[in-house]
PDB file of N, CA and C in Angstrom:
ATOM      1  N   MET A   1     228.118  49.629-126.036  1.00  0.00           N
ATOM      2  CA  MET A   1     228.365  50.876-125.349  1.00  0.00           C
ATOM      3  C   MET A   1     227.779  52.046-126.125  1.00  0.00           C
ATOM      4  N   LYS A   2     227.844  51.991-127.450  1.00  0.00           N
ATOM      5  CA  LYS A   2     227.331  53.085-128.258  1.00  0.00           C
ATOM      6  C   LYS A   2     225.822  53.232-128.082  1.00  0.00           C
ATOM      7  N   LYS A   3     225.128  52.104-127.950  1.00  0.00           N
ATOM      8  CA  LYS A   3     223.688  52.135-127.762  1.00  0.00           C
ATOM      9  C   LYS A   3     223.326  52.759-126.423  1.00  0.00           C
ATOM     10  N   THR A   4     224.050  52.419-125.374  1.00  0.00           N
ATOM     11  CA  THR A   4     223.792  52.971-124.047  1.00  0.00           C
ATOM     12  C   THR A   4     224.094  54.460-124.020  1.00  0.00           C
ATOM     13  N   LEU A   5     225.189  54.872-124.630  1.00  0.00           N
ATOM     14  CA  LEU A   5     225.563  56.279-124.661  1.00  0.00           C
ATOM     15  C   LEU A   5     224.538  57.108-125.428  1.00  0.00           C
ATOM     16  N   SER A   6     224.057  56.612-126.550  1.00  0.00           N
ATOM     17  CA  SER A   6     223.062  57.358-127.313  1.00  0.00           C
ATOM     18  C   SER A   6     221.741  57.445-126.550  1.00  0.00           C
ATOM     19  N   CYS A   7     221.428  56.422-125.775  1.00  0.00           N
ATOM     20  CA  CYS A   7     220.217  56.470-124.945  1.00  0.00           C
ATOM     21  C   CYS A   7     220.347  57.550-123.874  1.00  0.00           C
ATOM     22  N   ILE A   8     221.483  57.583-123.211  1.00  0.00           N
ATOM     23  CA  ILE A   8     221.712  58.594-122.175  1.00  0.00           C
ATOM     24  C   ILE A   8     221.681  59.991-122.778  1.00  0.00           C
ATOM     25  N   LEU A   9     222.307  60.164-123.927  1.00  0.00           N
ATOM     26  CA  LEU A   9     222.309  61.472-124.575  1.00  0.00           C
ATOM     27  C   LEU A   9     220.911  61.900-125.003  1.00  0.00           C
ATOM     28  N   SER A  10     220.048  60.969-125.326  1.00  0.00           N
ATOM     29  CA  SER A  10     218.688  61.321-125.715  1.00  0.00           C
ATOM     30  C   SER A  10     217.863  61.814-124.530  1.00  0.00           C
ATOM     31  N   PHE A  11     218.105  61.253-123.367  1.00  0.00           N
ATOM     32  CA  PHE A  11     217.354  61.648-122.173  1.00  0.00           C
ATOM     33  C   PHE A  11     217.959  62.861-121.466  1.00  0.00           C
ATOM     34  N   LEU A  12     219.242  63.100-121.619  1.00  0.00           N
ATOM     35  CA  LEU A  12     219.953  64.106-120.844  1.00  0.00           C
ATOM     36  C   LEU A  12     219.453  65.542-121.023  1.00  0.00           C
ATOM     37  N   PRO A  13     219.153  66.032-122.232  1.00  0.00           N
ATOM     38  CA  PRO A  13     218.687  67.426-122.331  1.00  0.00           C
ATOM     39  C   PRO A  13     217.420  67.701-121.526  1.00  0.00           C
ATOM     40  N   GLY A  14     216.449  66.823-121.611  1.00  0.00           N
ATOM     41  CA  GLY A  14     215.211  67.022-120.858  1.00  0.00           C
ATOM     42  C   GLY A  14     215.448  66.988-119.357  1.00  0.00           C
ATOM     43  N   ILE A  15     216.312  66.082-118.909  1.00  0.00           N
ATOM     44  CA  ILE A  15     216.621  65.983-117.484  1.00  0.00           C
ATOM     45  C   ILE A  15     217.322  67.244-116.998  1.00  0.00           C
ATOM     46  N   LEU A  16     218.288  67.751-117.773  1.00  0.00           N
ATOM     47  CA  LEU A  16     218.999  68.954-117.375  1.00  0.00           C
ATOM     48  C   LEU A  16     218.083  70.173-117.307  1.00  0.00           C
ATOM     49  N   ILE A  17     217.187  70.300-118.275  1.00  0.00           N
ATOM     50  CA  ILE A  17     216.280  71.445-118.292  1.00  0.00           C
ATOM     51  C   ILE A  17     215.337  71.401-117.099  1.00  0.00           C
ATOM     52  N   VAL A  18     214.743  70.255-116.839  1.00  0.00           N
ATOM     53  CA  VAL A  18     213.815  70.131-115.714  1.00  0.00           C
ATOM     54  C   VAL A  18     214.552  70.314-114.387  1.00  0.00           C
ATOM     55  N   LEU A  19     215.758  69.777-114.266  1.00  0.00           N
ATOM     56  CA  LEU A  19     216.549  69.939-113.044  1.00  0.00           C
ATOM     57  C   LEU A  19     216.870  71.409-112.790  1.00  0.00           C
ATOM     58  N   GLY A  20     217.259  72.119-113.849  1.00  0.00           N
ATOM     59  CA  GLY A  20     217.539  73.550-113.704  1.00  0.00           C
ATOM     60  C   GLY A  20     216.305  74.338-113.315  1.00  0.00           C
ATOM     61  N   MET A  21     215.165  74.002-113.895  1.00  0.00           N
ATOM     62  CA  MET A  21     213.921  74.709-113.562  1.00  0.00           C
ATOM     63  C   MET A  21     213.505  74.463-112.107  1.00  0.00           C
ATOM     64  N   ILE A  22     213.586  73.227-111.676  1.00  0.00           N
ATOM     65  CA  ILE A  22     213.211  72.905-110.292  1.00  0.00           C
ATOM     66  C   ILE A  22     214.130  73.629-109.315  1.00  0.00           C
ATOM     67  N   THR A  23     215.425  73.655-109.613  1.00  0.00           N
ATOM     68  CA  THR A  23     216.366  74.354-108.748  1.00  0.00           C
ATOM     69  C   THR A  23     216.055  75.839-108.682  1.00  0.00           C
ATOM     70  N   LEU A  24     215.748  76.441-109.817  1.00  0.00           N
ATOM     71  CA  LEU A  24     215.418  77.871-109.828  1.00  0.00           C
ATOM     72  C   LEU A  24     214.114  78.155-109.091  1.00  0.00           C
ATOM     73  N   ILE A  25     213.150  77.271-109.184  1.00  0.00           N
ATOM     74  CA  ILE A  25     211.888  77.458-108.457  1.00  0.00           C
ATOM     75  C   ILE A  25     212.129  77.373-106.952  1.00  0.00           C
ATOM     76  N   ILE A  26     212.939  76.421-106.521  1.00  0.00           N
ATOM     77  CA  ILE A  26     213.246  76.294-105.097  1.00  0.00           C
ATOM     78  C   ILE A  26     214.007  77.522-104.593  1.00  0.00           C
ATOM     79  N   ILE A  27     214.977  77.996-105.371  1.00  0.00           N
ATOM     80  CA  ILE A  27     215.745  79.174-104.975  1.00  0.00           C
ATOM     81  C   ILE A  27     214.838  80.400-104.876  1.00  0.00           C
ATOM     82  N   THR A  28     213.925  80.564-105.826  1.00  0.00           N
ATOM     83  CA  THR A  28     213.003  81.689-105.787  1.00  0.00           C
ATOM     84  C   THR A  28     212.103  81.620-104.561  1.00  0.00           C
ATOM     85  N   GLY A  29     211.661  80.432-104.214  1.00  0.00           N
ATOM     86  CA  GLY A  29     210.843  80.263-103.012  1.00  0.00           C
ATOM     87  C   GLY A  29     211.594  80.618-101.750  1.00  0.00           C
ATOM     88  N   VAL A  30     212.861  80.214-101.688  1.00  0.00           N
ATOM     89  CA  VAL A  30     213.682  80.536-100.515  1.00  0.00           C
ATOM     90  C   VAL A  30     213.931  82.038-100.433  1.00  0.00           C
ATOM     91  N   GLN A  31     214.209  82.674-101.574  1.00  0.00           N
ATOM     92  CA  GLN A  31     214.457  84.112-101.573  1.00  0.00           C
ATOM     93  C   GLN A  31     213.204  84.905-101.209  1.00  0.00           C
ATOM     94  N   ASN A  32     212.042  84.440-101.629  1.00  0.00           N
ATOM     95  CA  ASN A  32     210.795  85.146-101.324  1.00  0.00           C
ATOM     96  C   ASN A  32     210.318  84.915 -99.893  1.00  0.00           C
ATOM     97  N   SER A  33     210.894  83.949 -99.205  1.00  0.00           N
ATOM     98  CA  SER A  33     210.478  83.680 -97.826  1.00  0.00           C
ATOM     99  C   SER A  33     211.076  84.663 -96.841  1.00  0.00           C
ATOM    100  N   GLY A  34     212.035  85.445 -97.281  1.00  0.00           N
ATOM    101  CA  GLY A  34     212.623  86.451 -96.415  1.00  0.00           C
ATOM    102  C   GLY A  34     213.891  86.007 -95.730  1.00  0.00           C
ATOM    103  N   ILE A  35     214.349  84.804 -95.992  1.00  0.00           N
ATOM    104  CA  ILE A  35     215.584  84.303 -95.398  1.00  0.00           C
ATOM    105  C   ILE A  35     216.770  84.952 -96.107  1.00  0.00           C
ATOM    106  N   ASP A  36     217.762  85.384 -95.345  1.00  0.00           N
ATOM    107  CA  ASP A  36     218.964  85.961 -95.931  1.00  0.00           C
ATOM    108  C   ASP A  36     219.766  84.843 -96.605  1.00  0.00           C
ATOM    109  N   THR A  37     219.872  84.899 -97.928  1.00  0.00           N
ATOM    110  CA  THR A  37     220.469  83.795 -98.677  1.00  0.00           C
ATOM    111  C   THR A  37     221.960  83.946 -98.879  1.00  0.00           C
ATOM    112  N   GLY A  38     222.448  85.114 -99.106  1.00  0.00           N
ATOM    113  CA  GLY A  38     223.877  85.327 -99.267  1.00  0.00           C
ATOM    114  C   GLY A  38     224.391  84.956-100.642  1.00  0.00           C
ATOM    115  N   VAL A  39     225.693  84.784-100.696  1.00  0.00           N
ATOM    116  CA  VAL A  39     226.383  84.553-101.965  1.00  0.00           C
ATOM    117  C   VAL A  39     226.166  83.125-102.473  1.00  0.00           C
ATOM    118  N   PHE A  40     226.027  82.165-101.582  1.00  0.00           N
ATOM    119  CA  PHE A  40     225.901  80.761-101.970  1.00  0.00           C
ATOM    120  C   PHE A  40     224.700  80.541-102.889  1.00  0.00           C
ATOM    121  N   VAL A  41     223.578  81.151-102.560  1.00  0.00           N
ATOM    122  CA  VAL A  41     222.378  80.961-103.369  1.00  0.00           C
ATOM    123  C   VAL A  41     222.527  81.646-104.727  1.00  0.00           C
ATOM    124  N   THR A  42     223.234  82.778-104.754  1.00  0.00           N
ATOM    125  CA  THR A  42     223.484  83.444-106.035  1.00  0.00           C
ATOM    126  C   THR A  42     224.346  82.570-106.938  1.00  0.00           C
ATOM    127  N   VAL A  43     225.368  81.965-106.381  1.00  0.00           N
ATOM    128  CA  VAL A  43     226.219  81.049-107.156  1.00  0.00           C
ATOM    129  C   VAL A  43     225.416  79.839-107.609  1.00  0.00           C
ATOM    130  N   LEU A  44     224.569  79.324-106.730  1.00  0.00           N
ATOM    131  CA  LEU A  44     223.718  78.191-107.079  1.00  0.00           C
ATOM    132  C   LEU A  44     222.730  78.561-108.190  1.00  0.00           C
ATOM    133  N   GLN A  45     222.230  79.788-108.149  1.00  0.00           N
ATOM    134  CA  GLN A  45     221.306  80.261-109.177  1.00  0.00           C
ATOM    135  C   GLN A  45     222.003  80.358-110.533  1.00  0.00           C
ATOM    136  N   ILE A  46     223.213  80.878-110.556  1.00  0.00           N
ATOM    137  CA  ILE A  46     223.986  80.957-111.804  1.00  0.00           C
ATOM    138  C   ILE A  46     224.301  79.555-112.316  1.00  0.00           C
ATOM    139  N   LEU A  47     224.653  78.654-111.430  1.00  0.00           N
ATOM    140  CA  LEU A  47     224.935  77.268-111.821  1.00  0.00           C
ATOM    141  C   LEU A  47     223.696  76.593-112.412  1.00  0.00           C
ATOM    142  N   ALA A  48     222.536  76.837-111.806  1.00  0.00           N
ATOM    143  CA  ALA A  48     221.292  76.266-112.327  1.00  0.00           C
ATOM    144  C   ALA A  48     220.977  76.818-113.714  1.00  0.00           C
ATOM    145  N   LEU A  49     221.214  78.103-113.922  1.00  0.00           N
ATOM    146  CA  LEU A  49     220.997  78.682-115.251  1.00  0.00           C
ATOM    147  C   LEU A  49     221.948  78.089-116.284  1.00  0.00           C
ATOM    148  N   LEU A  50     223.203  77.874-115.897  1.00  0.00           N
ATOM    149  CA  LEU A  50     224.164  77.270-116.818  1.00  0.00           C
ATOM    150  C   LEU A  50     223.799  75.826-117.154  1.00  0.00           C
ATOM    151  N   ILE A  51     223.326  75.079-116.169  1.00  0.00           N
ATOM    152  CA  ILE A  51     222.891  73.701-116.417  1.00  0.00           C
ATOM    153  C   ILE A  51     221.704  73.686-117.364  1.00  0.00           C
ATOM    154  N   GLU A  52     220.764  74.582-117.140  1.00  0.00           N
ATOM    155  CA  GLU A  52     219.594  74.637-118.012  1.00  0.00           C
ATOM    156  C   GLU A  52     219.984  75.053-119.430  1.00  0.00           C
ATOM    157  N   MET A  53     220.894  76.008-119.547  1.00  0.00           N
ATOM    158  CA  MET A  53     221.351  76.438-120.864  1.00  0.00           C
ATOM    159  C   MET A  53     222.085  75.307-121.582  1.00  0.00           C
ATOM    160  N   ALA A  54     222.872  74.529-120.845  1.00  0.00           N
ATOM    161  CA  ALA A  54     223.563  73.377-121.434  1.00  0.00           C
ATOM    162  C   ALA A  54     222.549  72.358-121.949  1.00  0.00           C
ATOM    163  N   GLY A  55     221.463  72.163-121.215  1.00  0.00           N
ATOM    164  CA  GLY A  55     220.414  71.256-121.669  1.00  0.00           C
ATOM    165  C   GLY A  55     219.763  71.727-122.954  1.00  0.00           C
ATOM    166  N   TRP A  56     219.479  73.027-123.051  1.00  0.00           N
ATOM    167  CA  TRP A  56     218.870  73.562-124.274  1.00  0.00           C
ATOM    168  C   TRP A  56     219.806  73.433-125.467  1.00  0.00           C
ATOM    169  N   ILE A  57     221.078  73.758-125.262  1.00  0.00           N
ATOM    170  CA  ILE A  57     222.040  73.671-126.367  1.00  0.00           C
ATOM    171  C   ILE A  57     222.241  72.222-126.798  1.00  0.00           C
ATOM    172  N   MET A  58     222.387  71.312-125.835  1.00  0.00           N
ATOM    173  CA  MET A  58     222.566  69.896-126.152  1.00  0.00           C
ATOM    174  C   MET A  58     221.345  69.341-126.882  1.00  0.00           C
ATOM    175  N   GLY A  59     220.165  69.731-126.448  1.00  0.00           N
ATOM    176  CA  GLY A  59     218.950  69.279-127.116  1.00  0.00           C
ATOM    177  C   GLY A  59     218.845  69.788-128.536  1.00  0.00           C
ATOM    178  N   PHE A  60     219.241  71.044-128.745  1.00  0.00           N
ATOM    179  CA  PHE A  60     219.193  71.613-130.097  1.00  0.00           C
ATOM    180  C   PHE A  60     220.162  70.891-131.025  1.00  0.00           C
ATOM    181  N   VAL A  61     221.368  70.619-130.522  1.00  0.00           N
ATOM    182  CA  VAL A  61     222.357  69.902-131.336  1.00  0.00           C
ATOM    183  C   VAL A  61     221.876  68.482-131.646  1.00  0.00           C
ATOM    184  N   LEU A  62     221.325  67.788-130.655  1.00  0.00           N
ATOM    185  CA  LEU A  62     220.807  66.433-130.892  1.00  0.00           C
ATOM    186  C   LEU A  62     219.631  66.441-131.861  1.00  0.00           C
ATOM    187  N   MET A  63     218.784  67.479-131.773  1.00  0.00           N
ATOM    188  CA  MET A  63     217.667  67.571-132.701  1.00  0.00           C
ATOM    189  C   MET A  63     218.187  67.669-134.136  1.00  0.00           C
ATOM    190  N   ILE A  64     219.199  68.482-134.363  1.00  0.00           N
ATOM    191  CA  ILE A  64     219.766  68.624-135.709  1.00  0.00           C
ATOM    192  C   ILE A  64     220.401  67.311-136.165  1.00  0.00           C
ATOM    193  N   ILE A  65     221.126  66.639-135.280  1.00  0.00           N
ATOM    194  CA  ILE A  65     221.751  65.356-135.626  1.00  0.00           C
ATOM    195  C   ILE A  65     220.682  64.319-135.986  1.00  0.00           C
ATOM    196  N   TYR A  66     219.607  64.273-135.209  1.00  0.00           N
ATOM    197  CA  TYR A  66     218.544  63.307-135.478  1.00  0.00           C
ATOM    198  C   TYR A  66     217.797  63.622-136.772  1.00  0.00           C
ATOM    199  N   VAL A  67     217.629  64.891-137.092  1.00  0.00           N
ATOM    200  CA  VAL A  67     216.992  65.247-138.367  1.00  0.00           C
ATOM    201  C   VAL A  67     217.870  64.793-139.528  1.00  0.00           C
ATOM    202  N   VAL A  68     219.174  65.002-139.416  1.00  0.00           N
ATOM    203  CA  VAL A  68     220.093  64.554-140.475  1.00  0.00           C
ATOM    204  C   VAL A  68     220.064  63.041-140.596  1.00  0.00           C
ATOM    205  N   LYS A  69     220.057  62.317-139.454  1.00  0.00           N
ATOM    206  CA  LYS A  69     219.973  60.855-139.497  1.00  0.00           C
ATOM    207  C   LYS A  69     218.673  60.388-140.147  1.00  0.00           C
ATOM    208  N   THR A  70     217.586  61.109-139.879  1.00  0.00           N
ATOM    209  CA  THR A  70     216.303  60.746-140.470  1.00  0.00           C
ATOM    210  C   THR A  70     216.334  60.939-141.981  1.00  0.00           C
ATOM    211  N   ILE A  71     216.897  62.046-142.430  1.00  0.00           N
ATOM    212  CA  ILE A  71     216.946  62.331-143.867  1.00  0.00           C
ATOM    213  C   ILE A  71     217.833  61.323-144.589  1.00  0.00           C
ATOM    214  N   LYS A  72     218.922  60.898-143.968  1.00  0.00           N
ATOM    215  CA  LYS A  72     219.842  59.959-144.607  1.00  0.00           C
ATOM    216  C   LYS A  72     219.403  58.499-144.514  1.00  0.00           C
ATOM    217  N   ASN A  73     218.377  58.208-143.727  1.00  0.00           N
ATOM    218  CA  ASN A  73     217.939  56.837-143.538  1.00  0.00           C
ATOM    219  C   ASN A  73     217.269  56.315-144.810  1.00  0.00           C
ATOM    220  N   LYS A  74     217.826  55.272-145.387  1.00  0.00           N
ATOM    221  CA  LYS A  74     217.304  54.708-146.643  1.00  0.00           C
ATOM    222  C   LYS A  74     216.060  53.851-146.418  1.00  0.00           C
ATOM    223  N   ASN A  75     215.819  53.390-145.197  1.00  0.00           N
ATOM    224  CA  ASN A  75     214.688  52.522-144.913  1.00  0.00           C
ATOM    225  C   ASN A  75     213.367  53.281-144.777  1.00  0.00           C
ATOM    226  N   PHE A  76     213.428  54.606-144.643  1.00  0.00           N
ATOM    227  CA  PHE A  76     212.211  55.398-144.472  1.00  0.00           C
ATOM    228  C   PHE A  76     211.688  55.878-145.812  1.00  0.00           C
ATOM    229  N   SER A  77     210.368  55.916-145.915  1.00  0.00           N
ATOM    230  CA  SER A  77     209.768  56.535-147.089  1.00  0.00           C
ATOM    231  C   SER A  77     209.790  58.057-146.897  1.00  0.00           C
ATOM    232  N   VAL A  78     209.432  58.780-147.950  1.00  0.00           N
ATOM    233  CA  VAL A  78     209.461  60.241-147.886  1.00  0.00           C
ATOM    234  C   VAL A  78     208.467  60.754-146.840  1.00  0.00           C
ATOM    235  N   GLY A  79     207.312  60.132-146.761  1.00  0.00           N
ATOM    236  CA  GLY A  79     206.304  60.556-145.788  1.00  0.00           C
ATOM    237  C   GLY A  79     206.766  60.375-144.346  1.00  0.00           C
ATOM    238  N   ILE A  80     207.414  59.262-144.069  1.00  0.00           N
ATOM    239  CA  ILE A  80     207.919  59.005-142.719  1.00  0.00           C
ATOM    240  C   ILE A  80     209.055  59.975-142.384  1.00  0.00           C
ATOM    241  N   LYS A  81     209.899  60.283-143.369  1.00  0.00           N
ATOM    242  CA  LYS A  81     210.967  61.257-143.141  1.00  0.00           C
ATOM    243  C   LYS A  81     210.391  62.630-142.794  1.00  0.00           C
ATOM    244  N   ILE A  82     209.375  63.042-143.523  1.00  0.00           N
ATOM    245  CA  ILE A  82     208.731  64.337-143.254  1.00  0.00           C
ATOM    246  C   ILE A  82     208.080  64.324-141.879  1.00  0.00           C
ATOM    247  N   LEU A  83     207.426  63.221-141.534  1.00  0.00           N
ATOM    248  CA  LEU A  83     206.775  63.116-140.227  1.00  0.00           C
ATOM    249  C   LEU A  83     207.792  63.222-139.094  1.00  0.00           C
ATOM    250  N   TRP A  84     208.886  62.468-139.169  1.00  0.00           N
ATOM    251  CA  TRP A  84     209.876  62.508-138.100  1.00  0.00           C
ATOM    252  C   TRP A  84     210.555  63.866-138.019  1.00  0.00           C
ATOM    253  N   CYS A  85     210.856  64.472-139.158  1.00  0.00           N
ATOM    254  CA  CYS A  85     211.484  65.802-139.131  1.00  0.00           C
ATOM    255  C   CYS A  85     210.548  66.830-138.505  1.00  0.00           C
ATOM    256  N   ALA A  86     209.268  66.766-138.834  1.00  0.00           N
ATOM    257  CA  ALA A  86     208.304  67.691-138.242  1.00  0.00           C
ATOM    258  C   ALA A  86     208.151  67.453-136.745  1.00  0.00           C
ATOM    259  N   LEU A  87     208.081  66.182-136.349  1.00  0.00           N
ATOM    260  CA  LEU A  87     207.975  65.868-134.923  1.00  0.00           C
ATOM    261  C   LEU A  87     209.207  66.328-134.159  1.00  0.00           C
ATOM    262  N   LEU A  88     210.384  66.079-134.722  1.00  0.00           N
ATOM    263  CA  LEU A  88     211.616  66.499-134.050  1.00  0.00           C
ATOM    264  C   LEU A  88     211.684  68.018-133.929  1.00  0.00           C
ATOM    265  N   PHE A  89     211.222  68.722-134.944  1.00  0.00           N
ATOM    266  CA  PHE A  89     211.283  70.186-134.913  1.00  0.00           C
ATOM    267  C   PHE A  89     210.247  70.775-133.963  1.00  0.00           C
ATOM    268  N   TYR A  90     208.986  70.353-134.093  1.00  0.00           N
ATOM    269  CA  TYR A  90     207.921  70.990-133.321  1.00  0.00           C
ATOM    270  C   TYR A  90     207.838  70.516-131.878  1.00  0.00           C
ATOM    271  N   LEU A  91     208.117  69.263-131.606  1.00  0.00           N
ATOM    272  CA  LEU A  91     208.026  68.770-130.234  1.00  0.00           C
ATOM    273  C   LEU A  91     209.289  69.039-129.430  1.00  0.00           C
ATOM    274  N   SER A  92     210.300  69.620-130.053  1.00  0.00           N
ATOM    275  CA  SER A  92     211.482  70.002-129.294  1.00  0.00           C
ATOM    276  C   SER A  92     211.221  71.220-128.417  1.00  0.00           C
ATOM    277  N   VAL A  93     210.115  71.888-128.645  1.00  0.00           N
ATOM    278  CA  VAL A  93     209.746  73.032-127.814  1.00  0.00           C
ATOM    279  C   VAL A  93     209.425  72.575-126.393  1.00  0.00           C
ATOM    280  N   PHE A  94     208.866  71.386-126.240  1.00  0.00           N
ATOM    281  CA  PHE A  94     208.459  70.872-124.942  1.00  0.00           C
ATOM    282  C   PHE A  94     209.596  70.086-124.295  1.00  0.00           C
ATOM    283  N   PHE A  95     210.680  70.759-123.952  1.00  0.00           N
ATOM    284  CA  PHE A  95     211.812  70.191-123.222  1.00  0.00           C
ATOM    285  C   PHE A  95     212.424  68.982-123.928  1.00  0.00           C
ATOM    286  N   TYR A  96     212.388  68.981-125.233  1.00  0.00           N
ATOM    287  CA  TYR A  96     212.990  67.916-126.036  1.00  0.00           C
ATOM    288  C   TYR A  96     212.469  66.536-125.653  1.00  0.00           C
ATOM    289  N   VAL A  97     211.165  66.446-125.451  1.00  0.00           N
ATOM    290  CA  VAL A  97     210.542  65.181-125.065  1.00  0.00           C
ATOM    291  C   VAL A  97     210.566  64.169-126.221  1.00  0.00           C
ATOM    292  N   ILE A  98     210.726  64.650-127.432  1.00  0.00           N
ATOM    293  CA  ILE A  98     210.702  63.768-128.597  1.00  0.00           C
ATOM    294  C   ILE A  98     212.017  62.996-128.754  1.00  0.00           C
ATOM    295  N   LEU A  99     213.106  63.488-128.198  1.00  0.00           N
ATOM    296  CA  LEU A  99     214.398  62.820-128.390  1.00  0.00           C
ATOM    297  C   LEU A  99     214.432  61.400-127.826  1.00  0.00           C
ATOM    298  N   PRO A 100     213.957  61.149-126.595  1.00  0.00           N
ATOM    299  CA  PRO A 100     213.927  59.751-126.130  1.00  0.00           C
ATOM    300  C   PRO A 100     212.953  58.887-126.928  1.00  0.00           C
ATOM    301  N   ILE A 101     211.855  59.475-127.387  1.00  0.00           N
ATOM    302  CA  ILE A 101     210.897  58.720-128.208  1.00  0.00           C
ATOM    303  C   ILE A 101     211.538  58.322-129.524  1.00  0.00           C
ATOM    304  N   TYR A 102     212.257  59.260-130.148  1.00  0.00           N
ATOM    305  CA  TYR A 102     212.946  58.966-131.403  1.00  0.00           C
ATOM    306  C   TYR A 102     213.996  57.883-131.190  1.00  0.00           C
ATOM    307  N   TRP A 103     214.740  57.962-130.082  1.00  0.00           N
ATOM    308  CA  TRP A 103     215.738  56.930-129.808  1.00  0.00           C
ATOM    309  C   TRP A 103     215.075  55.573-129.650  1.00  0.00           C
ATOM    310  N   PHE A 104     213.973  55.535-128.896  1.00  0.00           N
ATOM    311  CA  PHE A 104     213.313  54.260-128.626  1.00  0.00           C
ATOM    312  C   PHE A 104     212.717  53.652-129.890  1.00  0.00           C
ATOM    313  N   VAL A 105     212.116  54.466-130.753  1.00  0.00           N
ATOM    314  CA  VAL A 105     211.431  53.949-131.934  1.00  0.00           C
ATOM    315  C   VAL A 105     212.396  53.676-133.083  1.00  0.00           C
ATOM    316  N   VAL A 106     213.366  54.575-133.312  1.00  0.00           N
ATOM    317  CA  VAL A 106     214.207  54.477-134.518  1.00  0.00           C
ATOM    318  C   VAL A 106     215.612  53.990-134.201  1.00  0.00           C
ATOM    319  N   LEU A 107     216.314  54.697-133.357  1.00  0.00           N
ATOM    320  CA  LEU A 107     217.745  54.408-133.164  1.00  0.00           C
ATOM    321  C   LEU A 107     218.005  53.105-132.449  1.00  0.00           C
ATOM    322  N   ARG A 108     217.136  52.714-131.534  1.00  0.00           N
ATOM    323  CA  ARG A 108     217.336  51.459-130.802  1.00  0.00           C
ATOM    324  C   ARG A 108     217.342  50.278-131.766  1.00  0.00           C
ATOM    325  N   LYS A 109     216.497  50.346-132.774  1.00  0.00           N
ATOM    326  CA  LYS A 109     216.426  49.257-133.748  1.00  0.00           C
ATOM    327  C   LYS A 109     217.605  49.309-134.731  1.00  0.00           C
ATOM    328  N   ASP A 110     218.076  50.526-135.073  1.00  0.00           N
ATOM    329  CA  ASP A 110     219.185  50.656-135.993  1.00  0.00           C
ATOM    330  C   ASP A 110     220.502  50.182-135.396  1.00  0.00           C
ATOM    331  N   GLN A 111     220.664  50.359-134.080  1.00  0.00           N
ATOM    332  CA  GLN A 111     221.923  50.028-133.445  1.00  0.00           C
ATOM    333  C   GLN A 111     221.962  48.601-132.944  1.00  0.00           C
ATOM    334  N   ALA A 112     220.887  47.868-133.074  1.00  0.00           N
ATOM    335  CA  ALA A 112     220.841  46.487-132.571  1.00  0.00           C
ATOM    336  C   ALA A 112     221.679  45.549-133.407  1.00  0.00           C
TER     337      ALA A 112
END
């Protein structure tokens, strides 16, 4: 169960961010079409922003946890630790795409 949960947590920030962005793009398109949207779309817009913000915060927390796990890993050499820390830090800008890669390459083998 721990392996499945960590896999889901690795994918979840990117999914939440992309879902929030798509929802906001659709809402903007509907609002620009001239249709009277009312209160429902405003509430939906706030909800989409909150979902996207939750994705960013969750991704940032997971990035820090994964960096700490990388530093504490005794099986990695210093060069590999530096590489993973740099990848986790710099590629987190792109919707935390590195988190599922890190899970697949490192954590999946550690939890087996």
